[in-house]
mmCIF file of all heavy atoms, coordinates in Angstrom:
data_MODEL
# 
_entry.id   MODEL 
# 
loop_
_atom_site.group_PDB 
_atom_site.id 
_atom_site.type_symbol 
_atom_site.label_atom_id 
_atom_site.label_alt_id 
_atom_site.label_comp_id 
_atom_site.label_asym_id 
_atom_site.label_entity_id 
_atom_site.label_seq_id 
_atom_site.pdbx_PDB_ins_code 
_atom_site.Cartn_x 
_atom_site.Cartn_y 
_atom_site.Cartn_z 
_atom_site.occupancy 
_atom_site.B_iso_or_equiv 
_atom_site.pdbx_formal_charge 
_atom_site.auth_seq_id 
_atom_site.auth_comp_id 
_atom_site.auth_asym_id 
_atom_site.auth_atom_id 
_atom_site.pdbx_PDB_model_num 
ATOM 1   N N   . ALA A 1 1  ? 16.343  4.618   8.235   1.00 0.00 ? 1  ALA A N   1 
ATOM 2   C CA  . ALA A 1 1  ? 17.254  4.377   7.138   1.00 0.00 ? 1  ALA A CA  1 
ATOM 3   C C   . ALA A 1 1  ? 17.421  5.599   6.253   1.00 0.00 ? 1  ALA A C   1 
ATOM 4   O O   . ALA A 1 1  ? 18.149  5.561   5.235   1.00 0.00 ? 1  ALA A O   1 
ATOM 5   C CB  . ALA A 1 1  ? 16.740  3.231   6.270   1.00 0.00 ? 1  ALA A CB  1 
ATOM 6   N N   . GLY A 1 2  ? 16.784  6.738   6.609   1.00 0.00 ? 2  GLY A N   1 
ATOM 7   C CA  . GLY A 1 2  ? 16.920  7.948   5.878   1.00 0.00 ? 2  GLY A CA  1 
ATOM 8   C C   . GLY A 1 2  ? 15.760  8.310   4.975   1.00 0.00 ? 2  GLY A C   1 
ATOM 9   O O   . GLY A 1 2  ? 15.752  9.342   4.290   1.00 0.00 ? 2  GLY A O   1 
ATOM 10  N N   . MET A 1 3  ? 14.730  7.469   4.937   1.00 0.00 ? 3  MET A N   1 
ATOM 11  C CA  . MET A 1 3  ? 13.585  7.726   4.069   1.00 0.00 ? 3  MET A CA  1 
ATOM 12  C C   . MET A 1 3  ? 12.628  8.669   4.749   1.00 0.00 ? 3  MET A C   1 
ATOM 13  O O   . MET A 1 3  ? 12.567  8.761   5.997   1.00 0.00 ? 3  MET A O   1 
ATOM 14  C CB  . MET A 1 3  ? 12.878  6.377   3.735   1.00 0.00 ? 3  MET A CB  1 
ATOM 15  C CG  . MET A 1 3  ? 13.762  5.360   3.057   1.00 0.00 ? 3  MET A CG  1 
ATOM 16  S SD  . MET A 1 3  ? 12.896  3.824   2.634   1.00 0.00 ? 3  MET A SD  1 
ATOM 17  C CE  . MET A 1 3  ? 11.838  4.395   1.323   1.00 0.00 ? 3  MET A CE  1 
ATOM 18  N N   . ASP A 1 4  ? 11.887  9.417   3.924   1.00 0.00 ? 4  ASP A N   1 
ATOM 19  C CA  . ASP A 1 4  ? 10.928  10.386  4.473   1.00 0.00 ? 4  ASP A CA  1 
ATOM 20  C C   . ASP A 1 4  ? 9.759   9.674   5.115   1.00 0.00 ? 4  ASP A C   1 
ATOM 21  O O   . ASP A 1 4  ? 9.105   8.848   4.466   1.00 0.00 ? 4  ASP A O   1 
ATOM 22  C CB  . ASP A 1 4  ? 10.419  11.319  3.357   1.00 0.00 ? 4  ASP A CB  1 
ATOM 23  C CG  . ASP A 1 4  ? 9.489   12.370  3.876   1.00 0.00 ? 4  ASP A CG  1 
ATOM 24  O OD1 . ASP A 1 4  ? 9.962   13.377  4.422   1.00 0.00 ? 4  ASP A OD1 1 
ATOM 25  O OD2 . ASP A 1 4  ? 8.238   12.181  3.714   1.00 0.00 ? 4  ASP A OD2 1 
ATOM 26  N N   . LYS A 1 5  ? 9.516   9.986   6.397   1.00 0.00 ? 5  LYS A N   1 
ATOM 27  C CA  . LYS A 1 5  ? 8.432   9.273   7.109   1.00 0.00 ? 5  LYS A CA  1 
ATOM 28  C C   . LYS A 1 5  ? 7.072   9.483   6.542   1.00 0.00 ? 5  LYS A C   1 
ATOM 29  O O   . LYS A 1 5  ? 6.270   8.540   6.421   1.00 0.00 ? 5  LYS A O   1 
ATOM 30  C CB  . LYS A 1 5  ? 8.467   9.706   8.587   1.00 0.00 ? 5  LYS A CB  1 
ATOM 31  C CG  . LYS A 1 5  ? 7.474   8.939   9.462   1.00 0.00 ? 5  LYS A CG  1 
ATOM 32  C CD  . LYS A 1 5  ? 7.546   9.384   10.931  1.00 0.00 ? 5  LYS A CD  1 
ATOM 33  C CE  . LYS A 1 5  ? 8.837   8.870   11.518  1.00 0.00 ? 5  LYS A CE  1 
ATOM 34  N NZ  . LYS A 1 5  ? 8.839   9.177   13.025  1.00 0.00 ? 5  LYS A NZ  1 
ATOM 35  N N   . GLY A 1 6  ? 6.772   10.716  6.110   1.00 0.00 ? 6  GLY A N   1 
ATOM 36  C CA  . GLY A 1 6  ? 5.472   11.041  5.531   1.00 0.00 ? 6  GLY A CA  1 
ATOM 37  C C   . GLY A 1 6  ? 5.258   10.267  4.190   1.00 0.00 ? 6  GLY A C   1 
ATOM 38  O O   . GLY A 1 6  ? 4.164   9.791   3.936   1.00 0.00 ? 6  GLY A O   1 
ATOM 39  N N   . ALA A 1 7  ? 6.269   10.224  3.394   1.00 0.00 ? 7  ALA A N   1 
ATOM 40  C CA  . ALA A 1 7  ? 6.214   9.555   2.088   1.00 0.00 ? 7  ALA A CA  1 
ATOM 41  C C   . ALA A 1 7  ? 6.017   8.039   2.304   1.00 0.00 ? 7  ALA A C   1 
ATOM 42  O O   . ALA A 1 7  ? 5.229   7.388   1.602   1.00 0.00 ? 7  ALA A O   1 
ATOM 43  C CB  . ALA A 1 7  ? 7.418   9.854   1.267   1.00 0.00 ? 7  ALA A CB  1 
ATOM 44  N N   . VAL A 1 8  ? 6.706   7.485   3.314   1.00 0.00 ? 8  VAL A N   1 
ATOM 45  C CA  . VAL A 1 8  ? 6.613   6.063   3.584   1.00 0.00 ? 8  VAL A CA  1 
ATOM 46  C C   . VAL A 1 8  ? 5.172   5.751   4.112   1.00 0.00 ? 8  VAL A C   1 
ATOM 47  O O   . VAL A 1 8  ? 4.600   4.700   3.748   1.00 0.00 ? 8  VAL A O   1 
ATOM 48  C CB  . VAL A 1 8  ? 7.672   5.596   4.591   1.00 0.00 ? 8  VAL A CB  1 
ATOM 49  C CG1 . VAL A 1 8  ? 7.423   4.140   4.970   1.00 0.00 ? 8  VAL A CG1 1 
ATOM 50  C CG2 . VAL A 1 8  ? 9.079   5.787   3.994   1.00 0.00 ? 8  VAL A CG2 1 
ATOM 51  N N   . PHE A 1 9  ? 4.676   6.604   4.939   1.00 0.00 ? 9  PHE A N   1 
ATOM 52  C CA  . PHE A 1 9  ? 3.283   6.452   5.448   1.00 0.00 ? 9  PHE A CA  1 
ATOM 53  C C   . PHE A 1 9  ? 2.249   6.354   4.302   1.00 0.00 ? 9  PHE A C   1 
ATOM 54  O O   . PHE A 1 9  ? 1.425   5.490   4.228   1.00 0.00 ? 9  PHE A O   1 
ATOM 55  C CB  . PHE A 1 9  ? 2.958   7.556   6.428   1.00 0.00 ? 9  PHE A CB  1 
ATOM 56  C CG  . PHE A 1 9  ? 1.533   7.471   6.949   1.00 0.00 ? 9  PHE A CG  1 
ATOM 57  C CD1 . PHE A 1 9  ? 1.268   6.773   8.111   1.00 0.00 ? 9  PHE A CD1 1 
ATOM 58  C CD2 . PHE A 1 9  ? 0.508   8.137   6.335   1.00 0.00 ? 9  PHE A CD2 1 
ATOM 59  C CE1 . PHE A 1 9  ? -0.043  6.699   8.569   1.00 0.00 ? 9  PHE A CE1 1 
ATOM 60  C CE2 . PHE A 1 9  ? -0.771  8.095   6.807   1.00 0.00 ? 9  PHE A CE2 1 
ATOM 61  C CZ  . PHE A 1 9  ? -1.067  7.352   7.953   1.00 0.00 ? 9  PHE A CZ  1 
ATOM 62  N N   . THR A 1 10 ? 2.354   7.332   3.389   1.00 0.00 ? 10 THR A N   1 
ATOM 63  C CA  . THR A 1 10 ? 1.431   7.347   2.266   1.00 0.00 ? 10 THR A CA  1 
ATOM 64  C C   . THR A 1 10 ? 1.600   6.176   1.374   1.00 0.00 ? 10 THR A C   1 
ATOM 65  O O   . THR A 1 10 ? 0.611   5.542   0.924   1.00 0.00 ? 10 THR A O   1 
ATOM 66  C CB  . THR A 1 10 ? 1.659   8.657   1.416   1.00 0.00 ? 10 THR A CB  1 
ATOM 67  O OG1 . THR A 1 10 ? 1.536   9.803   2.300   1.00 0.00 ? 10 THR A OG1 1 
ATOM 68  C CG2 . THR A 1 10 ? 0.682   8.747   0.267   1.00 0.00 ? 10 THR A CG2 1 
ATOM 69  N N   . THR A 1 11 ? 2.843   5.788   1.101   1.00 0.00 ? 11 THR A N   1 
ATOM 70  C CA  . THR A 1 11 ? 3.086   4.614   0.237   1.00 0.00 ? 11 THR A CA  1 
ATOM 71  C C   . THR A 1 11 ? 2.579   3.345   0.841   1.00 0.00 ? 11 THR A C   1 
ATOM 72  O O   . THR A 1 11 ? 2.047   2.471   0.193   1.00 0.00 ? 11 THR A O   1 
ATOM 73  C CB  . THR A 1 11 ? 4.638   4.517   -0.037  1.00 0.00 ? 11 THR A CB  1 
ATOM 74  O OG1 . THR A 1 11 ? 5.107   5.754   -0.643  1.00 0.00 ? 11 THR A OG1 1 
ATOM 75  C CG2 . THR A 1 11 ? 4.878   3.395   -0.949  1.00 0.00 ? 11 THR A CG2 1 
ATOM 76  N N   . THR A 1 12 ? 2.790   3.237   2.171   1.00 0.00 ? 12 THR A N   1 
ATOM 77  C CA  . THR A 1 12 ? 2.331   2.032   2.870   1.00 0.00 ? 12 THR A CA  1 
ATOM 78  C C   . THR A 1 12 ? 0.780   1.940   2.784   1.00 0.00 ? 12 THR A C   1 
ATOM 79  O O   . THR A 1 12 ? 0.272   0.831   2.498   1.00 0.00 ? 12 THR A O   1 
ATOM 80  C CB  . THR A 1 12 ? 2.711   2.106   4.383   1.00 0.00 ? 12 THR A CB  1 
ATOM 81  O OG1 . THR A 1 12 ? 4.120   2.194   4.493   1.00 0.00 ? 12 THR A OG1 1 
ATOM 82  C CG2 . THR A 1 12 ? 2.233   0.861   5.106   1.00 0.00 ? 12 THR A CG2 1 
ATOM 83  N N   . ALA A 1 13 ? 0.080   3.022   2.942   1.00 0.00 ? 13 ALA A N   1 
ATOM 84  C CA  . ALA A 1 13 ? -1.368  3.025   2.898   1.00 0.00 ? 13 ALA A CA  1 
ATOM 85  C C   . ALA A 1 13 ? -1.873  2.670   1.462   1.00 0.00 ? 13 ALA A C   1 
ATOM 86  O O   . ALA A 1 13 ? -2.785  1.853   1.320   1.00 0.00 ? 13 ALA A O   1 
ATOM 87  C CB  . ALA A 1 13 ? -1.958  4.376   3.333   1.00 0.00 ? 13 ALA A CB  1 
ATOM 88  N N   . ILE A 1 14 ? -1.234  3.337   0.457   1.00 0.00 ? 14 ILE A N   1 
ATOM 89  C CA  . ILE A 1 14 ? -1.676  3.099   -0.930  1.00 0.00 ? 14 ILE A CA  1 
ATOM 90  C C   . ILE A 1 14 ? -1.386  1.655   -1.349  1.00 0.00 ? 14 ILE A C   1 
ATOM 91  O O   . ILE A 1 14 ? -2.217  0.970   -1.985  1.00 0.00 ? 14 ILE A O   1 
ATOM 92  C CB  . ILE A 1 14 ? -1.007  4.109   -1.852  1.00 0.00 ? 14 ILE A CB  1 
ATOM 93  C CG1 . ILE A 1 14 ? -1.480  5.515   -1.561  1.00 0.00 ? 14 ILE A CG1 1 
ATOM 94  C CG2 . ILE A 1 14 ? -1.288  3.741   -3.308  1.00 0.00 ? 14 ILE A CG2 1 
ATOM 95  C CD1 . ILE A 1 14 ? -0.783  6.592   -2.355  1.00 0.00 ? 14 ILE A CD1 1 
ATOM 96  N N   . ALA A 1 15 ? -0.156  1.173   -1.033  1.00 0.00 ? 15 ALA A N   1 
ATOM 97  C CA  . ALA A 1 15 ? 0.197   -0.162  -1.426  1.00 0.00 ? 15 ALA A CA  1 
ATOM 98  C C   . ALA A 1 15 ? -0.677  -1.225  -0.753  1.00 0.00 ? 15 ALA A C   1 
ATOM 99  O O   . ALA A 1 15 ? -1.082  -2.193  -1.404  1.00 0.00 ? 15 ALA A O   1 
ATOM 100 C CB  . ALA A 1 15 ? 1.698   -0.457  -1.053  1.00 0.00 ? 15 ALA A CB  1 
ATOM 101 N N   . SER A 1 16 ? -0.987  -1.014  0.474   1.00 0.00 ? 16 SER A N   1 
ATOM 102 C CA  . SER A 1 16 ? -1.902  -1.941  1.232   1.00 0.00 ? 16 SER A CA  1 
ATOM 103 C C   . SER A 1 16 ? -3.283  -1.966  0.581   1.00 0.00 ? 16 SER A C   1 
ATOM 104 O O   . SER A 1 16 ? -3.938  -3.023  0.445   1.00 0.00 ? 16 SER A O   1 
ATOM 105 C CB  . SER A 1 16 ? -1.965  -1.587  2.703   1.00 0.00 ? 16 SER A CB  1 
ATOM 106 O OG  . SER A 1 16 ? -0.683  -1.597  3.267   1.00 0.00 ? 16 SER A OG  1 
ATOM 107 N N   . PHE A 1 17 ? -3.812  -0.768  0.281   1.00 0.00 ? 17 PHE A N   1 
ATOM 108 C CA  . PHE A 1 17 ? -5.131  -0.660  -0.315  1.00 0.00 ? 17 PHE A CA  1 
ATOM 109 C C   . PHE A 1 17 ? -5.170  -1.347  -1.673  1.00 0.00 ? 17 PHE A C   1 
ATOM 110 O O   . PHE A 1 17 ? -6.091  -2.162  -1.951  1.00 0.00 ? 17 PHE A O   1 
ATOM 111 C CB  . PHE A 1 17 ? -5.500  0.819   -0.470  1.00 0.00 ? 17 PHE A CB  1 
ATOM 112 C CG  . PHE A 1 17 ? -6.774  1.058   -1.183  1.00 0.00 ? 17 PHE A CG  1 
ATOM 113 C CD1 . PHE A 1 17 ? -8.005  0.835   -0.609  1.00 0.00 ? 17 PHE A CD1 1 
ATOM 114 C CD2 . PHE A 1 17 ? -6.727  1.477   -2.531  1.00 0.00 ? 17 PHE A CD2 1 
ATOM 115 C CE1 . PHE A 1 17 ? -9.180  1.055   -1.334  1.00 0.00 ? 17 PHE A CE1 1 
ATOM 116 C CE2 . PHE A 1 17 ? -7.905  1.688   -3.255  1.00 0.00 ? 17 PHE A CE2 1 
ATOM 117 C CZ  . PHE A 1 17 ? -9.128  1.449   -2.642  1.00 0.00 ? 17 PHE A CZ  1 
ATOM 118 N N   . VAL A 1 18 ? -4.198  -1.007  -2.545  1.00 0.00 ? 18 VAL A N   1 
ATOM 119 C CA  . VAL A 1 18 ? -4.190  -1.654  -3.912  1.00 0.00 ? 18 VAL A CA  1 
ATOM 120 C C   . VAL A 1 18 ? -4.036  -3.116  -3.841  1.00 0.00 ? 18 VAL A C   1 
ATOM 121 O O   . VAL A 1 18 ? -4.781  -3.875  -4.497  1.00 0.00 ? 18 VAL A O   1 
ATOM 122 C CB  . VAL A 1 18 ? -3.058  -0.935  -4.747  1.00 0.00 ? 18 VAL A CB  1 
ATOM 123 C CG1 . VAL A 1 18 ? -2.959  -1.655  -6.091  1.00 0.00 ? 18 VAL A CG1 1 
ATOM 124 C CG2 . VAL A 1 18 ? -3.350  0.538   -4.927  1.00 0.00 ? 18 VAL A CG2 1 
ATOM 125 N N   . GLY A 1 19 ? -3.119  -3.577  -2.993  1.00 0.00 ? 19 GLY A N   1 
ATOM 126 C CA  . GLY A 1 19 ? -2.907  -5.036  -2.921  1.00 0.00 ? 19 GLY A CA  1 
ATOM 127 C C   . GLY A 1 19 ? -4.117  -5.777  -2.388  1.00 0.00 ? 19 GLY A C   1 
ATOM 128 O O   . GLY A 1 19 ? -4.492  -6.826  -2.904  1.00 0.00 ? 19 GLY A O   1 
ATOM 129 N N   . THR A 1 20 ? -4.783  -5.235  -1.417  1.00 0.00 ? 20 THR A N   1 
ATOM 130 C CA  . THR A 1 20 ? -5.990  -5.876  -0.845  1.00 0.00 ? 20 THR A CA  1 
ATOM 131 C C   . THR A 1 20 ? -7.144  -5.882  -1.834  1.00 0.00 ? 20 THR A C   1 
ATOM 132 O O   . THR A 1 20 ? -7.838  -6.865  -1.965  1.00 0.00 ? 20 THR A O   1 
ATOM 133 C CB  . THR A 1 20 ? -6.411  -5.170  0.446   1.00 0.00 ? 20 THR A CB  1 
ATOM 134 O OG1 . THR A 1 20 ? -5.339  -5.152  1.386   1.00 0.00 ? 20 THR A OG1 1 
ATOM 135 C CG2 . THR A 1 20 ? -7.599  -5.844  1.078   1.00 0.00 ? 20 THR A CG2 1 
ATOM 136 N N   . VAL A 1 21 ? -7.310  -4.767  -2.553  1.00 0.00 ? 21 VAL A N   1 
ATOM 137 C CA  . VAL A 1 21 ? -8.404  -4.693  -3.549  1.00 0.00 ? 21 VAL A CA  1 
ATOM 138 C C   . VAL A 1 21 ? -8.152  -5.691  -4.684  1.00 0.00 ? 21 VAL A C   1 
ATOM 139 O O   . VAL A 1 21 ? -9.039  -6.380  -5.143  1.00 0.00 ? 21 VAL A O   1 
ATOM 140 C CB  . VAL A 1 21 ? -8.515  -3.287  -4.070  1.00 0.00 ? 21 VAL A CB  1 
ATOM 141 C CG1 . VAL A 1 21 ? -9.443  -3.240  -5.317  1.00 0.00 ? 21 VAL A CG1 1 
ATOM 142 C CG2 . VAL A 1 21 ? -9.060  -2.337  -2.999  1.00 0.00 ? 21 VAL A CG2 1 
ATOM 143 N N   . LEU A 1 22 ? -6.876  -5.771  -5.161  1.00 0.00 ? 22 LEU A N   1 
ATOM 144 C CA  . LEU A 1 22 ? -6.599  -6.732  -6.215  1.00 0.00 ? 22 LEU A CA  1 
ATOM 145 C C   . LEU A 1 22 ? -6.776  -8.200  -5.755  1.00 0.00 ? 22 LEU A C   1 
ATOM 146 O O   . LEU A 1 22 ? -7.249  -9.026  -6.547  1.00 0.00 ? 22 LEU A O   1 
ATOM 147 C CB  . LEU A 1 22 ? -5.171  -6.518  -6.692  1.00 0.00 ? 22 LEU A CB  1 
ATOM 148 C CG  . LEU A 1 22 ? -4.869  -5.202  -7.456  1.00 0.00 ? 22 LEU A CG  1 
ATOM 149 C CD1 . LEU A 1 22 ? -3.386  -5.144  -7.835  1.00 0.00 ? 22 LEU A CD1 1 
ATOM 150 C CD2 . LEU A 1 22 ? -5.739  -5.159  -8.750  1.00 0.00 ? 22 LEU A CD2 1 
ATOM 151 N N   . MET A 1 23 ? -6.419  -8.446  -4.504  1.00 0.00 ? 23 MET A N   1 
ATOM 152 C CA  . MET A 1 23 ? -6.631  -9.792  -3.964  1.00 0.00 ? 23 MET A CA  1 
ATOM 153 C C   . MET A 1 23 ? -8.137  -10.128 -3.948  1.00 0.00 ? 23 MET A C   1 
ATOM 154 O O   . MET A 1 23 ? -8.535  -11.268 -4.227  1.00 0.00 ? 23 MET A O   1 
ATOM 155 C CB  . MET A 1 23 ? -6.048  -9.880  -2.583  1.00 0.00 ? 23 MET A CB  1 
ATOM 156 C CG  . MET A 1 23 ? -6.238  -11.201 -1.877  1.00 0.00 ? 23 MET A CG  1 
ATOM 157 S SD  . MET A 1 23 ? -5.475  -12.591 -2.707  1.00 0.00 ? 23 MET A SD  1 
ATOM 158 C CE  . MET A 1 23 ? -3.771  -12.289 -2.336  1.00 0.00 ? 23 MET A CE  1 
ATOM 159 N N   . ALA A 1 24 ? -8.963  -9.150  -3.607  1.00 0.00 ? 24 ALA A N   1 
ATOM 160 C CA  . ALA A 1 24 ? -10.435 -9.384  -3.547  1.00 0.00 ? 24 ALA A CA  1 
ATOM 161 C C   . ALA A 1 24 ? -11.023 -9.525  -4.941  1.00 0.00 ? 24 ALA A C   1 
ATOM 162 O O   . ALA A 1 24 ? -11.849 -10.441 -5.165  1.00 0.00 ? 24 ALA A O   1 
ATOM 163 C CB  . ALA A 1 24 ? -11.116 -8.252  -2.784  1.00 0.00 ? 24 ALA A CB  1 
ATOM 164 N N   . LEU A 1 25 ? -10.687 -8.635  -5.870  1.00 0.00 ? 25 LEU A N   1 
ATOM 165 C CA  . LEU A 1 25 ? -11.293 -8.603  -7.158  1.00 0.00 ? 25 LEU A CA  1 
ATOM 166 C C   . LEU A 1 25 ? -10.789 -9.702  -8.112  1.00 0.00 ? 25 LEU A C   1 
ATOM 167 O O   . LEU A 1 25 ? -11.590 -10.293 -8.884  1.00 0.00 ? 25 LEU A O   1 
ATOM 168 C CB  . LEU A 1 25 ? -11.114 -7.260  -7.806  1.00 0.00 ? 25 LEU A CB  1 
ATOM 169 C CG  . LEU A 1 25 ? -11.746 -6.058  -7.079  1.00 0.00 ? 25 LEU A CG  1 
ATOM 170 C CD1 . LEU A 1 25 ? -11.481 -4.781  -7.839  1.00 0.00 ? 25 LEU A CD1 1 
ATOM 171 C CD2 . LEU A 1 25 ? -13.240 -6.293  -6.878  1.00 0.00 ? 25 LEU A CD2 1 
ATOM 172 N N   . LEU A 1 26 ? -9.500  -9.992  -8.070  1.00 0.00 ? 26 LEU A N   1 
ATOM 173 C CA  . LEU A 1 26 ? -8.930  -10.976 -8.966  1.00 0.00 ? 26 LEU A CA  1 
ATOM 174 C C   . LEU A 1 26 ? -8.907  -12.377 -8.464  1.00 0.00 ? 26 LEU A C   1 
ATOM 175 O O   . LEU A 1 26 ? -9.136  -13.342 -9.178  1.00 0.00 ? 26 LEU A O   1 
ATOM 176 C CB  . LEU A 1 26 ? -7.468  -10.508 -9.325  1.00 0.00 ? 26 LEU A CB  1 
ATOM 177 C CG  . LEU A 1 26 ? -7.339  -9.168  -10.024 1.00 0.00 ? 26 LEU A CG  1 
ATOM 178 C CD1 . LEU A 1 26 ? -5.863  -8.885  -10.351 1.00 0.00 ? 26 LEU A CD1 1 
ATOM 179 C CD2 . LEU A 1 26 ? -8.172  -9.089  -11.277 1.00 0.00 ? 26 LEU A CD2 1 
ATOM 180 N N   . ALA A 1 27 ? -8.629  -12.551 -7.170  1.00 0.00 ? 27 ALA A N   1 
ATOM 181 C CA  . ALA A 1 27 ? -8.552  -13.884 -6.588  1.00 0.00 ? 27 ALA A CA  1 
ATOM 182 C C   . ALA A 1 27 ? -9.731  -14.298 -5.735  1.00 0.00 ? 27 ALA A C   1 
ATOM 183 O O   . ALA A 1 27 ? -9.916  -15.460 -5.408  1.00 0.00 ? 27 ALA A O   1 
ATOM 184 C CB  . ALA A 1 27 ? -7.245  -14.009 -5.758  1.00 0.00 ? 27 ALA A CB  1 
ATOM 185 N N   . ASN A 1 28 ? -10.538 -13.296 -5.354  1.00 0.00 ? 28 ASN A N   1 
ATOM 186 C CA  . ASN A 1 28 ? -11.736 -13.545 -4.484  1.00 0.00 ? 28 ASN A CA  1 
ATOM 187 C C   . ASN A 1 28 ? -11.305 -14.217 -3.169  1.00 0.00 ? 28 ASN A C   1 
ATOM 188 O O   . ASN A 1 28 ? -12.001 -15.122 -2.695  1.00 0.00 ? 28 ASN A O   1 
ATOM 189 C CB  . ASN A 1 28 ? -12.774 -14.356 -5.195  1.00 0.00 ? 28 ASN A CB  1 
ATOM 190 C CG  . ASN A 1 28 ? -14.130 -14.301 -4.485  1.00 0.00 ? 28 ASN A CG  1 
ATOM 191 O OD1 . ASN A 1 28 ? -14.391 -13.402 -3.720  1.00 0.00 ? 28 ASN A OD1 1 
ATOM 192 N ND2 . ASN A 1 28 ? -14.966 -15.325 -4.762  1.00 0.00 ? 28 ASN A ND2 1 
# 
């Protein structure tokens, strides 16, 4: 779609990490 592949890779990793950690800490 024209997005930078490296930037999308980094964003995917960070978003997955943050979302999973919040799910564990806040919702258990």
